[in-house]
């Protein structure tokens, strides 16, 4: 391989490495909303969202079955507390490096049925009876 081809290969490899891990494509993932501290510091584990220990949780994450977790960056804390330990499906832009999701929609899955509880494009109201007025 001559020097020109080597330089071309190095430039191409450098460009490929600079491509961000963040994808603009929307992905859907399913998991359970759990407390971040509960996940990593086994001592705190509120039973449900009525347990006073839930106040010790600073943030909540979506924990998938494969033990991968993501922060739900644009979901209000009150909504994460409301659906604590519930099975949810979120669709949004996933950053796998920093482990967060910019959520477009979040659905609660209950007894095989699901309903949208968060939509970044449309704020549902109490009248919709889905957000519960967060």
C-alpha atoms as a PDB file:
ATOM      1  CA  UNK A   1       0.000   0.000   0.000  1.00  0.00           C
ATOM      2  CA  UNK A   2       1.512   3.345  -0.978  1.00  0.00           C
ATOM      3  CA  UNK A   3       1.424   6.513   1.127  1.00  0.00           C
ATOM      4  CA  UNK A   4      -1.558   8.050  -0.729  1.00  0.00           C
ATOM      5  CA  UNK A   5      -3.746   5.014  -0.097  1.00  0.00           C
ATOM      6  CA  UNK A   6      -2.638   4.881   3.525  1.00  0.00           C
ATOM      7  CA  UNK A   7      -3.537   8.543   4.048  1.00  0.00           C
ATOM      8  CA  UNK A   8      -6.931   8.029   2.337  1.00  0.00           C
ATOM      9  CA  UNK A   9      -7.640   5.035   4.547  1.00  0.00           C
ATOM     10  CA  UNK A  10      -6.707   6.952   7.691  1.00  0.00           C
ATOM     11  CA  UNK A  11      -8.893   9.922   6.706  1.00  0.00           C
ATOM     12  CA  UNK A  12     -11.869   7.646   5.999  1.00  0.00           C
ATOM     13  CA  UNK A  13     -11.376   5.787   9.280  1.00  0.00           C
ATOM     14  CA  UNK A  14     -11.166   9.111  11.164  1.00  0.00           C
ATOM     15  CA  UNK A  15     -14.393  10.340   9.586  1.00  0.00           C
ATOM     16  CA  UNK A  16     -16.196   7.109  10.471  1.00  0.00           C
ATOM     17  CA  UNK A  17     -15.024   7.376  14.085  1.00  0.00           C
ATOM     18  CA  UNK A  18     -16.355  10.946  14.284  1.00  0.00           C
ATOM     19  CA  UNK A  19     -19.913   9.880  13.422  1.00  0.00           C
ATOM     20  CA  UNK A  20     -21.923  10.478  16.578  1.00  0.00           C
ATOM     21  CA  UNK A  21     -23.431   7.614  18.499  1.00  0.00           C
ATOM     22  CA  UNK A  22     -26.710   9.535  18.684  1.00  0.00           C
ATOM     23  CA  UNK A  23     -29.082   8.450  16.006  1.00  0.00           C
ATOM     24  CA  UNK A  24     -31.836  10.686  14.681  1.00  0.00           C
ATOM     25  CA  UNK A  25     -33.904   7.590  14.047  1.00  0.00           C
ATOM     26  CA  UNK A  26     -36.669   6.952  16.538  1.00  0.00           C
ATOM     27  CA  UNK A  27     -36.492   3.667  18.394  1.00  0.00           C
ATOM     28  CA  UNK A  28     -38.951   1.959  20.694  1.00  0.00           C
ATOM     29  CA  UNK A  29     -37.854   0.200  23.878  1.00  0.00           C
ATOM     30  CA  UNK A  30     -39.776  -1.484  26.676  1.00  0.00           C
ATOM     31  CA  UNK A  31     -38.935  -1.729  30.331  1.00  0.00           C
ATOM     32  CA  UNK A  32     -39.863  -0.789  33.878  1.00  0.00           C
ATOM     33  CA  UNK A  33     -39.441   2.623  35.513  1.00  0.00           C
ATOM     34  CA  UNK A  34     -37.203   2.239  38.571  1.00  0.00           C
ATOM     35  CA  UNK A  35     -35.261   4.555  40.834  1.00  0.00           C
ATOM     36  CA  UNK A  36     -31.668   5.218  39.843  1.00  0.00           C
ATOM     37  CA  UNK A  37     -30.423   4.890  43.439  1.00  0.00           C
ATOM     38  CA  UNK A  38     -32.450   1.705  43.922  1.00  0.00           C
ATOM     39  CA  UNK A  39     -30.799   0.248  40.864  1.00  0.00           C
ATOM     40  CA  UNK A  40     -27.230   0.932  41.980  1.00  0.00           C
ATOM     41  CA  UNK A  41     -27.363   1.200  45.775  1.00  0.00           C
ATOM     42  CA  UNK A  42     -29.427  -1.801  46.803  1.00  0.00           C
ATOM     43  CA  UNK A  43     -30.475  -0.253  50.168  1.00  0.00           C
ATOM     44  CA  UNK A  44     -33.265   2.013  48.886  1.00  0.00           C
ATOM     45  CA  UNK A  45     -36.108   0.249  47.145  1.00  0.00           C
ATOM     46  CA  UNK A  46     -39.526   1.837  47.571  1.00  0.00           C
ATOM     47  CA  UNK A  47     -42.330  -0.727  47.419  1.00  0.00           C
ATOM     48  CA  UNK A  48     -44.483   1.465  45.176  1.00  0.00           C
ATOM     49  CA  UNK A  49     -45.080   5.129  44.373  1.00  0.00           C
ATOM     50  CA  UNK A  50     -46.891   5.650  47.726  1.00  0.00           C
ATOM     51  CA  UNK A  51     -43.860   4.571  49.786  1.00  0.00           C
ATOM     52  CA  UNK A  52     -42.196   7.589  51.514  1.00  0.00           C
ATOM     53  CA  UNK A  53     -38.786   6.205  50.482  1.00  0.00           C
ATOM     54  CA  UNK A  54     -39.579   7.310  46.932  1.00  0.00           C
ATOM     55  CA  UNK A  55     -38.682  10.857  48.032  1.00  0.00           C
ATOM     56  CA  UNK A  56     -35.069   9.693  48.401  1.00  0.00           C
ATOM     57  CA  UNK A  57     -34.884   8.922  44.694  1.00  0.00           C
ATOM     58  CA  UNK A  58     -33.380  11.841  42.787  1.00  0.00           C
ATOM     59  CA  UNK A  59     -34.062  10.393  39.361  1.00  0.00           C
ATOM     60  CA  UNK A  60     -35.655   7.436  37.630  1.00  0.00           C
ATOM     61  CA  UNK A  61     -34.599   5.304  34.689  1.00  0.00           C
ATOM     62  CA  UNK A  62     -36.137   2.867  32.271  1.00  0.00           C
ATOM     63  CA  UNK A  63     -34.714  -0.574  33.087  1.00  0.00           C
ATOM     64  CA  UNK A  64     -34.954  -3.054  30.253  1.00  0.00           C
ATOM     65  CA  UNK A  65     -35.050  -6.849  30.638  1.00  0.00           C
ATOM     66  CA  UNK A  66     -31.411  -7.104  29.538  1.00  0.00           C
ATOM     67  CA  UNK A  67     -30.344  -4.897  32.520  1.00  0.00           C
ATOM     68  CA  UNK A  68     -29.622  -1.903  30.262  1.00  0.00           C
ATOM     69  CA  UNK A  69     -30.997   1.348  31.648  1.00  0.00           C
ATOM     70  CA  UNK A  70     -31.755   4.736  30.095  1.00  0.00           C
ATOM     71  CA  UNK A  71     -32.595   8.091  31.646  1.00  0.00           C
ATOM     72  CA  UNK A  72     -35.865   9.524  30.347  1.00  0.00           C
ATOM     73  CA  UNK A  73     -34.525  13.009  29.839  1.00  0.00           C
ATOM     74  CA  UNK A  74     -37.628  15.019  28.998  1.00  0.00           C
ATOM     75  CA  UNK A  75     -40.212  13.201  31.127  1.00  0.00           C
ATOM     76  CA  UNK A  76     -41.230  15.139  34.263  1.00  0.00           C
ATOM     77  CA  UNK A  77     -40.275  13.573  37.597  1.00  0.00           C
ATOM     78  CA  UNK A  78     -43.929  13.552  38.679  1.00  0.00           C
ATOM     79  CA  UNK A  79     -44.840  11.315  35.742  1.00  0.00           C
ATOM     80  CA  UNK A  80     -41.930   8.948  36.443  1.00  0.00           C
ATOM     81  CA  UNK A  81     -43.063   8.707  40.080  1.00  0.00           C
ATOM     82  CA  UNK A  82     -46.663   8.100  39.021  1.00  0.00           C
ATOM     83  CA  UNK A  83     -45.643   5.138  36.857  1.00  0.00           C
ATOM     84  CA  UNK A  84     -42.874   3.840  39.152  1.00  0.00           C
ATOM     85  CA  UNK A  85     -42.388   0.071  38.719  1.00  0.00           C
ATOM     86  CA  UNK A  86     -44.853   0.020  35.808  1.00  0.00           C
ATOM     87  CA  UNK A  87     -44.088  -1.591  32.477  1.00  0.00           C
ATOM     88  CA  UNK A  88     -43.767   1.101  29.797  1.00  0.00           C
ATOM     89  CA  UNK A  89     -42.840   1.436  26.166  1.00  0.00           C
ATOM     90  CA  UNK A  90     -41.054   4.587  25.066  1.00  0.00           C
ATOM     91  CA  UNK A  91     -40.329   5.777  21.561  1.00  0.00           C
ATOM     92  CA  UNK A  92     -37.710   8.415  20.973  1.00  0.00           C
ATOM     93  CA  UNK A  93     -34.145   9.252  20.098  1.00  0.00           C
ATOM     94  CA  UNK A  94     -31.709   7.069  22.047  1.00  0.00           C
ATOM     95  CA  UNK A  95     -28.191   8.117  23.009  1.00  0.00           C
ATOM     96  CA  UNK A  96     -26.447   4.840  23.800  1.00  0.00           C
ATOM     97  CA  UNK A  97     -23.242   6.514  24.945  1.00  0.00           C
ATOM     98  CA  UNK A  98     -24.796   8.731  27.637  1.00  0.00           C
ATOM     99  CA  UNK A  99     -27.705   6.322  28.198  1.00  0.00           C
ATOM    100  CA  UNK A 100     -30.643   8.645  27.795  1.00  0.00           C
ATOM    101  CA  UNK A 101     -33.749   8.825  25.644  1.00  0.00           C
ATOM    102  CA  UNK A 102     -35.386  11.996  24.358  1.00  0.00           C
ATOM    103  CA  UNK A 103     -38.886  10.589  24.612  1.00  0.00           C
ATOM    104  CA  UNK A 104     -41.489  11.305  21.936  1.00  0.00           C
ATOM    105  CA  UNK A 105     -44.154   9.015  23.365  1.00  0.00           C
ATOM    106  CA  UNK A 106     -44.506   6.872  26.458  1.00  0.00           C
ATOM    107  CA  UNK A 107     -47.132   4.150  26.806  1.00  0.00           C
ATOM    108  CA  UNK A 108     -48.136   2.274  29.924  1.00  0.00           C
ATOM    109  CA  UNK A 109     -48.579  -1.455  29.353  1.00  0.00           C
ATOM    110  CA  UNK A 110     -51.151  -3.074  31.624  1.00  0.00           C
ATOM    111  CA  UNK A 111     -52.778  -6.489  31.126  1.00  0.00           C
ATOM    112  CA  UNK A 112     -51.796  -6.588  27.466  1.00  0.00           C
ATOM    113  CA  UNK A 113     -53.307  -3.171  26.768  1.00  0.00           C
ATOM    114  CA  UNK A 114     -51.437   0.068  26.425  1.00  0.00           C
ATOM    115  CA  UNK A 115     -52.287   3.741  26.567  1.00  0.00           C
ATOM    116  CA  UNK A 116     -50.269   6.836  25.815  1.00  0.00           C
ATOM    117  CA  UNK A 117     -49.379   8.803  28.936  1.00  0.00           C
ATOM    118  CA  UNK A 118     -46.820  11.166  27.394  1.00  0.00           C
ATOM    119  CA  UNK A 119     -46.626  12.698  23.960  1.00  0.00           C
ATOM    120  CA  UNK A 120     -44.020  15.389  23.391  1.00  0.00           C
ATOM    121  CA  UNK A 121     -46.045  16.834  20.506  1.00  0.00           C
ATOM    122  CA  UNK A 122     -49.344  17.021  22.346  1.00  0.00           C
ATOM    123  CA  UNK A 123     -49.944  17.735  26.010  1.00  0.00           C
ATOM    124  CA  UNK A 124     -52.828  15.553  27.086  1.00  0.00           C
ATOM    125  CA  UNK A 125     -55.132  17.094  29.668  1.00  0.00           C
ATOM    126  CA  UNK A 126     -57.018  15.819  32.716  1.00  0.00           C
ATOM    127  CA  UNK A 127     -60.020  15.558  30.427  1.00  0.00           C
ATOM    128  CA  UNK A 128     -58.101  13.024  28.326  1.00  0.00           C
ATOM    129  CA  UNK A 129     -57.720  11.014  31.571  1.00  0.00           C
ATOM    130  CA  UNK A 130     -54.315   9.789  30.507  1.00  0.00           C
ATOM    131  CA  UNK A 131     -51.801  12.200  32.006  1.00  0.00           C
ATOM    132  CA  UNK A 132     -53.643  12.711  35.235  1.00  0.00           C
ATOM    133  CA  UNK A 133     -52.800  16.404  35.094  1.00  0.00           C
ATOM    134  CA  UNK A 134     -49.042  16.283  35.547  1.00  0.00           C
END
